[in-house]
Structure formats: structure tokens, C-alpha cells
Protein backbone atom coordinates (compact mmCIF):
# COMPACT_ATOMS: atom_id res chain seq x y z
CA UNK A 1 -21.91 -20.39 -14.34
CA UNK A 2 -22.12 -17.50 -11.92
CA UNK A 3 -24.86 -15.08 -10.98
CA UNK A 4 -25.11 -11.40 -11.80
CA UNK A 5 -24.51 -10.70 -8.11
CA UNK A 6 -21.29 -12.72 -8.09
CA UNK A 7 -20.13 -10.88 -11.22
CA UNK A 8 -20.90 -7.48 -9.69
CA UNK A 9 -19.11 -8.37 -6.44
CA UNK A 10 -16.03 -9.55 -8.33
CA UNK A 11 -16.11 -6.47 -10.56
CA UNK A 12 -16.36 -4.19 -7.51
CA UNK A 13 -13.33 -5.88 -5.89
CA UNK A 14 -11.26 -5.50 -9.06
CA UNK A 15 -12.37 -1.89 -9.57
CA UNK A 16 -11.37 -0.96 -6.02
CA UNK A 17 -7.97 -2.51 -6.66
CA UNK A 18 -7.38 -0.66 -9.95
CA UNK A 19 -8.86 2.65 -8.86
CA UNK A 20 -6.37 2.84 -6.02
CA UNK A 21 -3.51 2.55 -8.51
CA UNK A 22 -3.44 1.66 -12.21
CA UNK A 23 -2.61 -2.01 -12.70
CA UNK A 24 -1.71 -4.30 -15.56
CA UNK A 25 -3.95 -7.18 -16.57
CA UNK A 26 -1.38 -9.62 -15.16
CA UNK A 27 -1.21 -7.83 -11.80
CA UNK A 28 -4.99 -8.16 -11.51
CA UNK A 29 -4.86 -11.87 -12.38
CA UNK A 30 -2.10 -12.44 -9.83
CA UNK A 31 -4.00 -10.59 -7.11
CA UNK A 32 -7.36 -12.32 -7.57
CA UNK A 33 -6.47 -15.79 -8.91
CA UNK A 34 -7.02 -17.38 -5.49
CA UNK A 35 -10.18 -15.48 -4.50
CA UNK A 36 -12.18 -15.18 -7.73
CA UNK A 37 -13.01 -18.16 -9.93
CA UNK A 38 -10.93 -18.05 -13.15
CA UNK A 39 -13.70 -17.75 -15.76
CA UNK A 40 -15.47 -15.10 -13.68
CA UNK A 41 -12.21 -13.14 -13.34
CA UNK A 42 -11.61 -13.40 -17.10
CA UNK A 43 -15.09 -12.03 -17.81
CA UNK A 44 -14.63 -9.16 -15.33
CA UNK A 45 -11.25 -8.29 -16.88
CA UNK A 46 -12.73 -8.40 -20.39
CA UNK A 47 -15.54 -6.03 -19.43
CA UNK A 48 -13.14 -3.63 -17.71
CA UNK A 49 -10.87 -3.69 -20.76
CA UNK A 50 -13.80 -2.86 -23.03
CA UNK A 51 -14.72 0.19 -20.96
CA UNK A 52 -11.11 1.33 -20.63
CA UNK A 53 -10.32 0.61 -16.98
CA UNK A 54 -7.67 -1.93 -17.92
CA UNK A 55 -5.39 -0.93 -20.78
CA UNK A 56 -1.82 -2.24 -20.83
CA UNK A 57 -0.81 0.09 -23.68
CA UNK A 58 -1.97 3.10 -21.71
CA UNK A 59 -0.23 1.66 -18.62
CA UNK A 60 3.07 1.56 -20.54
CA UNK A 61 2.78 5.23 -21.57
CA UNK A 62 1.97 6.36 -18.05
CA UNK A 63 4.72 4.24 -16.46
CA UNK A 64 7.37 5.39 -18.95
CA UNK A 65 6.44 9.04 -18.40
CA UNK A 66 6.70 8.48 -14.66
CA UNK A 67 10.10 6.76 -14.99
CA UNK A 68 11.36 9.57 -17.22
CA UNK A 69 10.25 12.21 -14.72
CA UNK A 70 11.63 10.51 -11.62
CA UNK A 71 14.49 8.18 -12.51
CA UNK A 72 17.65 7.75 -14.51
CA UNK A 73 17.11 4.51 -16.38
CA UNK A 74 18.21 2.81 -19.56
CA UNK A 75 15.68 1.62 -22.12
CA UNK A 76 16.56 -1.92 -21.07
CA UNK A 77 15.79 -1.17 -17.40
CA UNK A 78 12.43 0.35 -18.35
CA UNK A 79 11.64 -2.73 -20.41
CA UNK A 80 12.53 -5.17 -17.61
CA UNK A 81 10.53 -3.19 -15.08
CA UNK A 82 7.42 -3.29 -17.28
CA UNK A 83 7.90 -6.96 -18.19
CA UNK A 84 7.98 -7.73 -14.45
CA UNK A 85 4.54 -6.10 -14.19
CA UNK A 86 3.21 -8.65 -16.66
CA UNK A 87 3.16 -6.47 -19.76
CA UNK A 88 3.35 -8.64 -22.88
CA UNK A 89 6.67 -8.18 -24.64
CA UNK A 90 5.12 -7.65 -28.08
CA UNK A 91 3.07 -4.67 -26.81
CA UNK A 92 6.16 -3.31 -25.08
CA UNK A 93 8.38 -3.79 -28.14
CA UNK A 94 5.82 -1.94 -30.28
CA UNK A 95 5.78 0.96 -27.82
CA UNK A 96 9.59 1.13 -27.73
CA UNK A 97 9.95 1.08 -31.51
CA UNK A 98 7.23 3.75 -31.94
CA UNK A 99 8.91 6.00 -29.35
CA UNK A 100 12.53 4.97 -29.89
CA UNK A 101 13.99 8.41 -30.64
CA UNK A 102 12.42 9.96 -27.55
CA UNK A 103 13.49 7.02 -25.36
CA UNK A 104 17.04 7.11 -26.73
CA UNK A 105 17.26 10.85 -26.04
CA UNK A 106 16.05 10.21 -22.47
CA UNK A 107 18.58 7.38 -22.07
CA UNK A 108 21.43 9.66 -23.17
CA UNK A 109 20.37 12.35 -20.68
CA UNK A 110 20.15 9.72 -17.94
CA UNK A 111 23.62 8.40 -18.77
CA UNK A 112 24.96 11.95 -18.67
CA UNK A 113 23.39 12.59 -15.23
CA UNK A 114 24.84 9.36 -13.88
CA UNK A 115 28.27 10.18 -15.32
CA UNK A 116 28.17 13.60 -13.64
CA UNK A 117 27.18 12.05 -10.28
CA UNK A 118 30.01 9.54 -10.58
CA UNK A 119 32.55 12.03 -11.93
CA UNK A 120 35.00 11.08 -9.17
CA UNK A 121 35.42 7.65 -10.70
CA UNK A 122 37.69 6.61 -13.55
CA UNK A 123 36.19 6.88 -17.04
CA UNK A 124 36.30 3.10 -17.48
CA UNK A 125 34.50 2.53 -14.15
CA UNK A 126 31.68 4.86 -15.21
CA UNK A 127 31.49 3.13 -18.59
CA UNK A 128 31.33 -0.31 -16.93
CA UNK A 129 28.62 0.90 -14.53
CA UNK A 130 26.49 2.24 -17.38
CA UNK A 131 26.95 -0.96 -19.39
CA UNK A 132 25.88 -3.02 -16.37
CA UNK A 133 22.74 -0.88 -16.11
CA UNK A 134 21.88 -1.72 -19.73
CA UNK A 135 22.76 1.57 -21.43
CA UNK A 136 23.38 1.33 -25.16
CA UNK A 137 26.93 1.74 -26.46
CA UNK A 138 25.92 4.88 -28.40
CA UNK A 139 24.54 6.51 -25.22
CA UNK A 140 27.71 5.70 -23.31
CA UNK A 141 29.97 7.00 -26.10
CA UNK A 142 28.08 10.28 -26.22
CA UNK A 143 28.64 10.80 -22.50
């Protein structure tokens, strides 16, 4: 078992890390797995989840809004990017199905922007590029 002081020190380290930039639970585990004992880290993460400092669902919303504001991405690209951050796929799938219409609309706009940028290319080349990037057939057809 660990002391209150050890817990507070570990919690302070984790808080500094997540206050600098929002992180997923998995990112925190990856960062501190070598420096903080596992059960202590689990307890710190649990407490921070309870008080709202760590919230993967909230992280998804914020990240998707950021992607939509700054990038042209397919739904598939967004999903892979968030999975690579350690977001559990069931949480991510729930978010996508709850917000599918909005995400599909964004994907179509993104495909359109890419098609305009690549307007010098043949139609088939643009279509192949979009398919490679994970755009849905219906988004590509609309463009």
C-alpha cells in the first residue's frame, strides 16, 4: 500500500500532465506506467475520472470538433486517430452512431474540398484518393 503523500505526489504529476493538454486515460497510463506503481496510478486515474479531469467521452467530442474545424478528414480517419489515442472502440462507436448525420455531412464537405483542391486530376484519380482516405462511397458519389 502507499501513503497519502505518495498518492498526492502521483496525482500532482498526472494533473500537471493533463492540465497542459487534455489526455485520454490510455495516454496517461502510457506516460506514467514506468514511473508510478500500477495500483497507485489506477487509483489516481479513478479519482480524476470521478471529479471530471479524465473523461474519454468528453475527449472524443472535443477532438472531433477540433478535427472538423481544422482538417478535411473522413469518419474512418477520425476513428483511427482517436483509437490511436487509446479511446475504447465501443465508446467511439457509440459517439459516431449518436452523431452520424453530422459526421456524414462533415465528411461530404471534406470530400468536396479535397475534390476542389485536386480538380486538376482525372475524376477517377480523385475518387481513388478519397477511397484511400476512407471516405464513404455515398460521400464520394455526391462530390
